[in-house]
């Protein structure tokens, strides 16, 4: 029987996946010492043939990363195969050298996962699939968009329009709109690589007037892009604005600031637990693991 190891950062999601796979759930107990070190104890029997480790790498990113590697290493001592599900993969934005001298951290992480004993990695809506090329093991990226769309189909919306906050997310918005059965647009955004400041460069938009909008993104960290987009769209006299994203990090009161900007609701997946994480992706992950 396959054993499924629930990392502390993804306990609830791991339980749901193990039920769907009828796998033996192994819980992990974590003690954090005053100096920040983690001590992990596994509670349960590990399979000799195949084990699945489920652990998201969200803030504190380095702590959750070390815990993930420790779980993989321990499980590999007993299992021939160790599949790792990382619903949210931290460091995914560091997949290439943007400015001279920058370290491509994804390359380092790829080596660490292989070195720890992982035989396969599954992620959900990774920031850039290019980053997965740094993993010298089987790597698969799943999409939470169908699950998010199913949620939005239950909401009564007025002449909905799907919006991407930037050109980089155009394909995501297109996929969402096709499944949802509406049209879509992508805003023009400029971000300063050094300061991180965001500016919307799109001029007036007539097509948003009086319509309910769904702002679609892969992740929300500080919410800067979403806030700028919302302020711009509100000036174009749109109706309500909803945010659909896979990973809601919502750092430093981001949720409060986004709501203040005029967003009616933030809907996210349970790749990162939180009060906006109302869309369950356990079925999508379980299917990929079967």
Foldseek 3Di string as FASTA:
>chain_A
DEEEEEDPQQNVLSVLLCVVLVHHYKYKDWDADPVGAIDIDIHDDHDQEEYEYEFAQFPVNVNSLVSQLVVLLVNVVRYVAYEYEHAHHPLLVLQDPPDPPDDSVLLVSLVSCVVSPHQEYEYELRVDVSSVVSHPHHYYYHYCLLLLLVVCLPDDWFLEEEEELDPVCVVVSCVNCVSNVHYYDYWHWDADPVPRAIDTPDDADQVQAAGEYEHEDAEAALCRSLLNSLLRSVVNHHDAYEYEYAYYNNPDVSVVSNVVSGHPAYAYDVSGDDPNRPGYCSVVVSVVVD
